[in-house]
C-alpha atoms as a PDB file:
ATOM      1  CA  MET A   1     -74.671 -45.618  -7.429  1.00  0.00           C
ATOM      2  CA  THR A   2     -71.562 -44.856  -9.361  1.00  0.00           C
ATOM      3  CA  GLN A   3     -73.542 -42.978 -11.986  1.00  0.00           C
ATOM      4  CA  TYR A   4     -73.529 -40.099  -9.568  1.00  0.00           C
ATOM      5  CA  ASP A   5     -69.873 -40.137  -8.604  1.00  0.00           C
ATOM      6  CA  GLU A   6     -68.884 -37.622 -11.262  1.00  0.00           C
ATOM      7  CA  ARG A   7     -71.619 -35.136 -10.185  1.00  0.00           C
ATOM      8  CA  VAL A   8     -70.834 -35.547  -6.539  1.00  0.00           C
ATOM      9  CA  GLU A   9     -67.037 -35.021  -7.214  1.00  0.00           C
ATOM     10  CA  ARG A  10     -67.744 -31.907  -9.385  1.00  0.00           C
ATOM     11  CA  GLN A  11     -69.908 -30.464  -6.578  1.00  0.00           C
ATOM     12  CA  ARG A  12     -67.204 -31.126  -4.039  1.00  0.00           C
ATOM     13  CA  LEU A  13     -64.583 -29.351  -6.279  1.00  0.00           C
ATOM     14  CA  LYS A  14     -67.004 -26.418  -6.763  1.00  0.00           C
ATOM     15  CA  LEU A  15     -67.597 -25.954  -3.089  1.00  0.00           C
ATOM     16  CA  ALA A  16     -63.814 -26.211  -2.337  1.00  0.00           C
ATOM     17  CA  ALA A  17     -63.099 -23.739  -5.086  1.00  0.00           C
ATOM     18  CA  GLU A  18     -65.646 -21.306  -3.803  1.00  0.00           C
ATOM     19  CA  GLU A  19     -64.129 -21.352  -0.318  1.00  0.00           C
ATOM     20  CA  TRP A  20     -60.537 -21.027  -1.706  1.00  0.00           C
ATOM     21  CA  ALA A  21     -61.643 -17.993  -3.795  1.00  0.00           C
ATOM     22  CA  LYS A  22     -62.185 -16.165  -0.420  1.00  0.00           C
ATOM     23  CA  VAL A  23     -58.692 -16.642   0.899  1.00  0.00           C
ATOM     24  CA  PRO A  24     -56.260 -13.730   0.645  1.00  0.00           C
ATOM     25  CA  LYS A  25     -53.510 -14.322  -1.899  1.00  0.00           C
ATOM     26  CA  SER A  26     -51.579 -11.170  -1.036  1.00  0.00           C
ATOM     27  CA  LEU A  27     -51.715  -8.082   0.969  1.00  0.00           C
ATOM     28  CA  HIS A  28     -49.996  -4.869  -0.142  1.00  0.00           C
ATOM     29  CA  ILE A  29     -49.934  -1.608   1.841  1.00  0.00           C
ATOM     30  CA  HIS A  30     -48.674   1.206  -0.524  1.00  0.00           C
ATOM     31  CA  ARG A  31     -48.989   4.586  -2.018  1.00  0.00           C
ATOM     32  CA  CYS A  32     -47.916   3.694  -5.458  1.00  0.00           C
ATOM     33  CA  ASP A  33     -49.919   4.858  -8.480  1.00  0.00           C
ATOM     34  CA  SER A  34     -48.397   2.288 -10.818  1.00  0.00           C
ATOM     35  CA  MET A  35     -50.273  -0.934  -9.749  1.00  0.00           C
ATOM     36  CA  TRP A  36     -51.320  -2.872 -12.850  1.00  0.00           C
ATOM     37  CA  TYR A  37     -55.002  -2.511 -11.817  1.00  0.00           C
ATOM     38  CA  GLU A  38     -55.002   1.253 -11.019  1.00  0.00           C
ATOM     39  CA  THR A  39     -57.388   3.456 -12.881  1.00  0.00           C
ATOM     40  CA  ASP A  40     -57.327   7.314 -13.151  1.00  0.00           C
ATOM     41  CA  LYS A  41     -60.131   7.389 -10.549  1.00  0.00           C
ATOM     42  CA  SER A  42     -58.421   4.977  -8.019  1.00  0.00           C
ATOM     43  CA  LYS A  43     -55.147   6.996  -8.198  1.00  0.00           C
ATOM     44  CA  LYS A  44     -56.954   9.825  -6.390  1.00  0.00           C
ATOM     45  CA  ASP A  45     -57.343   7.497  -3.228  1.00  0.00           C
ATOM     46  CA  LEU A  46     -53.628   7.832  -2.875  1.00  0.00           C
ATOM     47  CA  LYS A  47     -53.813  11.597  -2.275  1.00  0.00           C
ATOM     48  CA  LYS A  48     -55.488  10.747   1.081  1.00  0.00           C
ATOM     49  CA  GLY A  49     -52.531   8.507   2.190  1.00  0.00           C
ATOM     50  CA  HIS A  50     -51.628   4.852   2.037  1.00  0.00           C
ATOM     51  CA  VAL A  51     -53.994   2.051   1.027  1.00  0.00           C
ATOM     52  CA  THR A  52     -54.269  -1.581   1.787  1.00  0.00           C
ATOM     53  CA  ASP A  53     -54.888  -3.846  -1.218  1.00  0.00           C
ATOM     54  CA  VAL A  54     -55.926  -7.493  -0.540  1.00  0.00           C
ATOM     55  CA  GLN A  55     -55.943  -9.724  -3.530  1.00  0.00           C
ATOM     56  CA  TYR A  56     -57.968 -12.912  -3.241  1.00  0.00           C
ATOM     57  CA  TYR A  57     -57.410 -16.166  -4.987  1.00  0.00           C
ATOM     58  CA  GLY A  58     -60.797 -15.684  -6.644  1.00  0.00           C
ATOM     59  CA  GLY A  59     -59.367 -12.786  -8.615  1.00  0.00           C
ATOM     60  CA  GLN A  60     -60.822  -9.752  -6.926  1.00  0.00           C
ATOM     61  CA  ILE A  61     -58.834  -7.083  -5.221  1.00  0.00           C
ATOM     62  CA  VAL A  62     -60.411  -5.047  -2.320  1.00  0.00           C
ATOM     63  CA  ARG A  63     -58.967  -1.751  -1.370  1.00  0.00           C
ATOM     64  CA  SER A  64     -59.307  -0.213   2.126  1.00  0.00           C
ATOM     65  CA  GLN A  65     -58.164   2.988   3.638  1.00  0.00           C
ATOM     66  CA  ASN A  66     -58.366   4.050   7.220  1.00  0.00           C
ATOM     67  CA  GLY A  67     -60.191   0.802   8.071  1.00  0.00           C
ATOM     68  CA  LYS A  68     -62.930   1.307   5.492  1.00  0.00           C
ATOM     69  CA  GLN A  69     -63.283  -0.569   2.192  1.00  0.00           C
ATOM     70  CA  ILE A  70     -63.335   2.057  -0.555  1.00  0.00           C
ATOM     71  CA  ARG A  71     -62.908   0.159  -3.850  1.00  0.00           C
ATOM     72  CA  THR A  72     -62.919  -3.253  -5.562  1.00  0.00           C
ATOM     73  CA  PHE A  73     -60.894  -4.166  -8.605  1.00  0.00           C
ATOM     74  CA  GLY A  74     -61.664  -7.034 -10.980  1.00  0.00           C
ATOM     75  CA  LYS A  75     -64.303  -9.754 -10.449  1.00  0.00           C
ATOM     76  CA  THR A  76     -64.493 -12.887  -8.557  1.00  0.00           C
ATOM     77  CA  LEU A  77     -64.110 -16.099 -10.827  1.00  0.00           C
ATOM     78  CA  LYS A  78     -67.110 -18.156 -11.179  1.00  0.00           C
ATOM     79  CA  GLY A  79     -68.165 -21.548 -12.476  1.00  0.00           C
ATOM     80  CA  GLU A  80     -65.823 -23.440 -14.663  1.00  0.00           C
ATOM     81  CA  GLU A  81     -63.352 -20.672 -14.682  1.00  0.00           C
ATOM     82  CA  LEU A  82     -63.106 -20.864 -10.910  1.00  0.00           C
ATOM     83  CA  ILE A  83     -62.763 -24.658 -10.830  1.00  0.00           C
ATOM     84  CA  ARG A  84     -59.965 -24.568 -13.440  1.00  0.00           C
ATOM     85  CA  ALA A  85     -58.040 -21.926 -11.427  1.00  0.00           C
ATOM     86  CA  TYR A  86     -58.510 -23.927  -8.275  1.00  0.00           C
ATOM     87  CA  GLY A  87     -57.287 -27.098 -10.147  1.00  0.00           C
ATOM     88  CA  ARG A  88     -54.165 -25.170 -11.229  1.00  0.00           C
ATOM     89  CA  HIS A  89     -53.326 -24.210  -7.755  1.00  0.00           C
ATOM     90  CA  HIS A  90     -54.115 -27.617  -6.325  1.00  0.00           C
ATOM     91  CA  PRO A  91     -52.917 -30.087  -9.034  1.00  0.00           C
ATOM     92  CA  ASN A  92     -53.561 -33.187  -6.953  1.00  0.00           C
ATOM     93  CA  VAL A  93     -57.212 -32.536  -6.402  1.00  0.00           C
END
């Protein structure tokens, strides 16, 4: 049965990493147009007032304004890249 231990452990890590990717890493309410991920198009959001940016451990940033999601930045890590990021954050796993 030990022949499958590595596969089972890899799947366990993958599932844990996928759940971890959905957890908010930071929350930023602002009206700054100098965020590292801003684009010319997204700077126009700020003319309507403050925005709320939630960055997730999986890499994506979701922007909301007045209770509505209006934009996403980046992409969510997947596969090996996600598992490596999870491992860096949880070194004892």
